[in-house]
Amino acid sequence: MMRRLTGYVLPGALVTVPLLLALAGPLVASGDTAKDVPFSLGGGHWLGTDFVGRDVWNEVLLGGRSLILIAVAATACTYLAAVPVGLAAGMTRNRVLDEVLMRPLDLLLAVPSMLMLLLLVSIAPHSPWVLAAVVALINIPDVVRISRAAALALSARPAVEAMRLQGESRIRIGLGYVARSMRRTLAADLGTRFTGATYLVASASFLGVGISPQAGDWAAMVDRNRGGLFVQPWAVVVPALLIVMLAVGVNLLFDRILRAEAR
């Protein structure tokens, strides 16, 4: 038991640190907007100052919530929209319906995700929720295909055929058996999907699209302070490290959970 718990220490720590800073940071951050010398070290700023002289530690405390909330919202919207479509496509015996559901998504898959992100956010209003919707739209085709593949395999099982012979409705079979049996497949994809959503949101912030230019988050900090990387590295290294810790930690945590369930 102790050995199993020990395996969660590293991924738990990697996830907890950025989450704690993101959720509790705005509550303890200073409201002081005074500016000092840009890209300076010391002077009462233990992580130095950024490109306009603001305290880097204070900006770190304020910059994580929007990034994580948008990534979580985008991931949740992805699965809420994609899983029902994939389940319907995987369980239907109507080839025409399957083609109608899947072929438009194949067209979306043909467009590189970063190109689609730039195209969509450039014509959409600057809003964190619009950015979450765009990231969800980019991820939906992949999750639909994963859900469809899982549903196809599960619907071919003898248990499903037995339920059909007993007169069970298609909805009951789909939700009561197939959807429940897809949990492990979807859980295995969830960590990677959240990481991908985080990087897409961070990329949009880094490129200055999809959110208000005045909005600040860890990715925007990396972008705005990269010019002083060799003068004051903490303004870039700390927010970049927090993004990497969150992404790696989530993947390791889900991987550990799936291994524990398989035993």
Protein backbone atom coordinates (compact mmCIF):
# COMPACT_ATOMS: atom_id res chain seq x y z
CA MET A 1 0.00 0.00 0.00
CA MET A 2 2.78 2.42 0.95
CA ARG A 3 4.64 1.58 -2.26
CA ARG A 4 1.57 2.44 -4.33
CA LEU A 5 1.10 5.75 -2.54
CA THR A 6 4.77 6.61 -3.07
CA GLY A 7 4.23 6.39 -6.83
CA TYR A 8 1.82 9.31 -6.63
CA VAL A 9 4.25 11.65 -4.84
CA LEU A 10 6.11 12.97 -7.91
CA PRO A 11 3.10 13.46 -10.22
CA GLY A 12 1.07 14.84 -7.31
CA ALA A 13 3.77 17.38 -6.50
CA LEU A 14 4.17 18.39 -10.16
CA VAL A 15 0.42 19.05 -10.45
CA THR A 16 -0.10 20.59 -7.00
CA VAL A 17 2.50 23.37 -7.26
CA PRO A 18 1.14 25.08 -10.41
CA LEU A 19 -2.48 24.43 -9.39
CA LEU A 20 -1.92 25.93 -5.95
CA LEU A 21 -0.23 28.99 -7.42
CA ALA A 22 -2.99 29.39 -10.01
CA LEU A 23 -5.93 29.02 -7.64
CA ALA A 24 -4.59 30.65 -4.48
CA GLY A 25 -2.17 33.08 -6.12
CA PRO A 26 -4.68 35.87 -6.88
CA LEU A 27 -5.85 35.74 -3.25
CA VAL A 28 -2.39 36.48 -1.85
CA ALA A 29 -0.97 38.59 -4.66
CA SER A 30 -0.12 42.17 -3.90
CA GLY A 31 -2.30 44.92 -5.31
CA ASP A 32 0.73 47.16 -5.64
CA THR A 33 1.14 48.23 -9.27
CA ALA A 34 4.30 50.26 -8.69
CA LYS A 35 7.01 49.72 -11.30
CA ASP A 36 10.74 49.49 -10.81
CA VAL A 37 13.68 49.20 -13.19
CA PRO A 38 12.85 46.74 -16.02
CA PHE A 39 14.68 43.41 -16.02
CA SER A 40 16.37 44.03 -12.69
CA LEU A 41 17.38 41.52 -10.01
CA GLY A 42 17.05 42.33 -6.33
CA GLY A 43 15.61 45.58 -5.02
CA GLY A 44 13.07 43.72 -2.90
CA HIS A 45 11.93 41.56 -5.83
CA TRP A 46 13.17 38.05 -5.13
CA LEU A 47 12.39 36.92 -8.69
CA GLY A 48 13.31 40.30 -10.14
CA THR A 49 11.21 42.52 -12.37
CA ASP A 50 9.72 42.04 -15.82
CA PHE A 51 10.00 44.04 -19.04
CA VAL A 52 8.10 47.02 -17.61
CA GLY A 53 9.48 46.80 -14.06
CA ARG A 54 6.66 44.84 -12.40
CA ASP A 55 7.42 42.27 -9.71
CA VAL A 56 7.76 38.86 -11.41
CA TRP A 57 6.59 36.87 -8.37
CA ASN A 58 3.41 38.93 -8.19
CA GLU A 59 2.81 38.38 -11.91
CA VAL A 60 3.34 34.62 -11.45
CA LEU A 61 0.70 34.59 -8.69
CA LEU A 62 -1.76 36.37 -10.96
CA GLY A 63 -1.00 34.58 -14.23
CA GLY A 64 -1.97 30.95 -13.78
CA ARG A 65 -5.72 30.99 -13.19
CA SER A 66 -6.81 32.05 -16.67
CA LEU A 67 -4.52 29.57 -18.44
CA ILE A 68 -5.67 26.59 -16.37
CA LEU A 69 -9.37 27.51 -16.35
CA ILE A 70 -9.42 27.92 -20.15
CA ALA A 71 -7.61 24.59 -20.64
CA VAL A 72 -10.01 22.80 -18.27
CA ALA A 73 -13.06 24.37 -19.94
CA ALA A 74 -11.75 23.46 -23.40
CA THR A 75 -11.07 19.85 -22.36
CA ALA A 76 -14.51 19.48 -20.77
CA CYS A 77 -16.26 20.93 -23.83
CA THR A 78 -14.26 18.60 -26.08
CA TYR A 79 -15.48 15.44 -24.34
CA LEU A 80 -19.05 16.67 -23.86
CA ALA A 81 -19.35 17.30 -27.60
CA ALA A 82 -17.19 14.50 -29.00
CA VAL A 83 -18.06 11.41 -26.96
CA PRO A 84 -21.79 11.31 -27.87
CA VAL A 85 -20.92 11.69 -31.58
CA GLY A 86 -18.27 8.96 -31.41
CA LEU A 87 -20.61 6.69 -29.47
CA ALA A 88 -23.40 7.18 -32.02
CA ALA A 89 -21.05 6.57 -34.96
CA GLY A 90 -19.56 3.46 -33.35
CA MET A 91 -22.88 1.86 -32.47
CA THR A 92 -24.86 2.65 -35.59
CA ARG A 93 -25.37 -0.05 -38.21
CA ASN A 94 -26.30 2.60 -40.76
CA ARG A 95 -23.27 3.23 -42.96
CA VAL A 96 -24.74 6.45 -44.35
CA LEU A 97 -25.14 7.92 -40.85
CA ASP A 98 -21.58 6.89 -39.99
CA GLU A 99 -20.28 8.66 -43.10
CA VAL A 100 -22.32 11.80 -42.36
CA LEU A 101 -20.91 11.98 -38.84
CA MET A 102 -17.28 11.18 -39.61
CA ARG A 103 -16.38 12.71 -43.00
CA PRO A 104 -16.71 16.40 -41.97
CA LEU A 105 -14.45 15.66 -39.00
CA ASP A 106 -11.85 14.13 -41.33
CA LEU A 107 -11.73 17.47 -43.16
CA LEU A 108 -10.99 19.25 -39.88
CA LEU A 109 -8.22 16.75 -39.12
CA ALA A 110 -6.55 17.63 -42.42
CA VAL A 111 -5.92 21.19 -41.21
CA PRO A 112 -2.91 21.59 -38.83
CA SER A 113 -4.09 22.51 -35.34
CA MET A 114 -1.92 25.63 -35.06
CA LEU A 115 -3.10 26.94 -38.43
CA MET A 116 -6.73 26.38 -37.42
CA LEU A 117 -6.11 28.09 -34.09
CA LEU A 118 -4.66 31.16 -35.82
CA LEU A 119 -7.46 31.30 -38.38
CA LEU A 120 -10.29 30.94 -35.89
CA VAL A 121 -9.05 33.25 -33.17
CA SER A 122 -8.09 35.93 -35.69
CA ILE A 123 -11.75 36.32 -36.76
CA ALA A 124 -13.30 35.75 -33.33
CA PRO A 125 -13.62 38.35 -30.55
CA HIS A 126 -10.95 38.41 -27.86
CA SER A 127 -12.46 36.37 -25.04
CA PRO A 128 -11.14 33.51 -22.87
CA TRP A 129 -14.35 31.56 -23.47
CA VAL A 130 -14.09 31.98 -27.23
CA LEU A 131 -10.52 30.69 -26.99
CA ALA A 132 -11.76 27.68 -24.95
CA ALA A 133 -14.40 26.96 -27.62
CA VAL A 134 -11.79 27.18 -30.41
CA VAL A 135 -9.41 24.81 -28.62
CA ALA A 136 -12.31 22.40 -28.01
CA LEU A 137 -13.26 22.52 -31.71
CA ILE A 138 -9.68 21.65 -32.69
CA ASN A 139 -9.64 18.63 -30.36
CA ILE A 140 -13.14 17.31 -31.11
CA PRO A 141 -12.25 15.31 -34.29
CA ASP A 142 -9.53 13.32 -32.50
CA VAL A 143 -11.74 12.47 -29.53
CA VAL A 144 -14.64 11.50 -31.81
CA ARG A 145 -12.39 9.05 -33.65
CA ILE A 146 -11.07 7.57 -30.39
CA SER A 147 -14.61 7.25 -29.00
CA ARG A 148 -15.87 5.69 -32.24
CA ALA A 149 -13.05 3.13 -32.31
CA ALA A 150 -13.72 2.14 -28.69
CA ALA A 151 -17.47 1.93 -29.30
CA LEU A 152 -16.99 -0.23 -32.41
CA ALA A 153 -14.91 -2.76 -30.48
CA LEU A 154 -17.28 -2.82 -27.53
CA SER A 155 -20.47 -3.07 -29.61
CA ALA A 156 -19.11 -6.23 -31.26
CA ARG A 157 -18.89 -8.08 -27.93
CA PRO A 158 -21.24 -11.01 -27.26
CA ALA A 159 -22.62 -9.17 -24.23
CA VAL A 160 -24.00 -6.41 -26.47
CA GLU A 161 -25.58 -8.93 -28.83
CA ALA A 162 -27.16 -10.69 -25.86
CA MET A 163 -28.61 -7.40 -24.65
CA ARG A 164 -30.06 -6.76 -28.11
CA LEU A 165 -31.67 -10.21 -28.17
CA GLN A 166 -33.21 -9.49 -24.77
CA GLY A 167 -34.89 -6.42 -26.22
CA GLU A 168 -32.78 -3.75 -24.53
CA SER A 169 -33.04 -0.36 -26.20
CA ARG A 170 -30.11 1.08 -28.14
CA ILE A 171 -29.87 4.00 -25.69
CA ARG A 172 -29.71 1.67 -22.70
CA ILE A 173 -27.04 -0.46 -24.35
CA GLY A 174 -25.05 2.59 -25.38
CA LEU A 175 -25.17 4.45 -22.08
CA GLY A 176 -25.43 1.48 -19.71
CA TYR A 177 -22.74 -0.75 -21.15
CA VAL A 178 -20.71 0.69 -24.03
CA ALA A 179 -20.20 4.19 -22.59
CA ARG A 180 -19.28 2.80 -19.16
CA SER A 181 -16.81 0.38 -20.71
CA MET A 182 -15.13 3.24 -22.61
CA ARG A 183 -14.02 4.91 -19.39
CA ARG A 184 -10.50 3.50 -19.37
CA THR A 185 -9.87 4.44 -22.99
CA LEU A 186 -11.14 7.98 -22.42
CA ALA A 187 -9.21 8.29 -19.15
CA ALA A 188 -6.01 7.29 -20.95
CA ASP A 189 -6.65 10.01 -23.53
CA LEU A 190 -7.72 12.66 -21.00
CA GLY A 191 -4.24 13.42 -19.67
CA THR A 192 -2.82 13.88 -23.16
CA ARG A 193 -5.83 15.90 -24.25
CA PHE A 194 -5.57 18.28 -21.30
CA THR A 195 -1.86 18.72 -21.98
CA GLY A 196 -2.58 19.49 -25.64
CA ALA A 197 -5.28 21.99 -24.65
CA THR A 198 -2.87 23.67 -22.22
CA TYR A 199 -0.22 24.04 -24.91
CA LEU A 200 -2.72 25.39 -27.46
CA VAL A 201 -3.98 27.98 -24.96
CA ALA A 202 -0.40 28.85 -24.05
CA SER A 203 0.52 29.12 -27.74
CA ALA A 204 -2.41 31.47 -28.37
CA SER A 205 -1.33 33.62 -25.44
CA PHE A 206 2.30 33.53 -26.59
CA LEU A 207 1.25 34.68 -30.07
CA GLY A 208 -1.02 37.35 -28.62
CA VAL A 209 -4.21 36.03 -30.21
CA GLY A 210 -7.48 34.86 -28.73
CA ILE A 211 -7.25 36.91 -25.53
CA SER A 212 -7.12 40.58 -24.71
CA PRO A 213 -3.63 42.05 -25.07
CA GLN A 214 -3.99 43.44 -21.54
CA ALA A 215 -4.70 39.99 -20.07
CA GLY A 216 -1.74 38.35 -18.40
CA ASP A 217 -0.91 34.69 -17.91
CA TRP A 218 2.19 32.50 -17.69
CA ALA A 219 2.44 32.03 -21.46
CA ALA A 220 2.10 35.76 -22.07
CA MET A 221 4.86 36.33 -19.49
CA VAL A 222 7.18 34.08 -21.50
CA ASP A 223 6.41 36.01 -24.67
CA ARG A 224 6.71 39.50 -23.22
CA ASN A 225 9.89 38.86 -21.25
CA ARG A 226 11.88 36.73 -23.70
CA GLY A 227 13.86 39.78 -24.82
CA GLY A 228 15.52 39.91 -21.40
CA LEU A 229 16.11 36.17 -21.03
CA PHE A 230 19.88 36.54 -20.61
CA VAL A 231 19.56 39.60 -18.39
CA GLN A 232 16.75 38.49 -16.07
CA PRO A 233 15.96 34.82 -16.79
CA TRP A 234 13.44 34.25 -13.96
CA ALA A 235 10.75 36.26 -15.76
CA VAL A 236 10.78 33.58 -18.50
CA VAL A 237 12.03 30.43 -16.76
CA VAL A 238 9.57 30.38 -13.85
CA PRO A 239 6.28 30.68 -15.85
CA ALA A 240 7.60 28.30 -18.54
CA LEU A 241 8.60 25.78 -15.87
CA LEU A 242 5.15 25.95 -14.25
CA ILE A 243 3.46 25.17 -17.59
CA VAL A 244 5.77 22.19 -18.16
CA MET A 245 5.25 20.92 -14.59
CA LEU A 246 1.47 20.99 -15.01
CA ALA A 247 1.53 19.19 -18.36
CA VAL A 248 3.99 16.49 -17.30
CA GLY A 249 2.34 16.04 -13.90
CA VAL A 250 -1.15 15.51 -15.33
CA ASN A 251 0.14 12.85 -17.75
CA LEU A 252 2.10 11.04 -15.04
CA LEU A 253 -0.87 11.16 -12.66
CA PHE A 254 -3.32 9.64 -15.15
CA ASP A 255 -0.75 7.04 -16.16
CA ARG A 256 -0.31 6.04 -12.51
CA ILE A 257 -4.08 5.83 -11.95
CA LEU A 258 -4.57 3.59 -14.99
CA ARG A 259 -1.74 1.29 -13.89
CA ALA A 260 -3.27 0.97 -10.42
CA GLU A 261 -6.70 0.09 -11.88
CA ALA A 262 -5.15 -2.56 -14.15
CA ARG A 263 -3.73 -4.50 -11.19
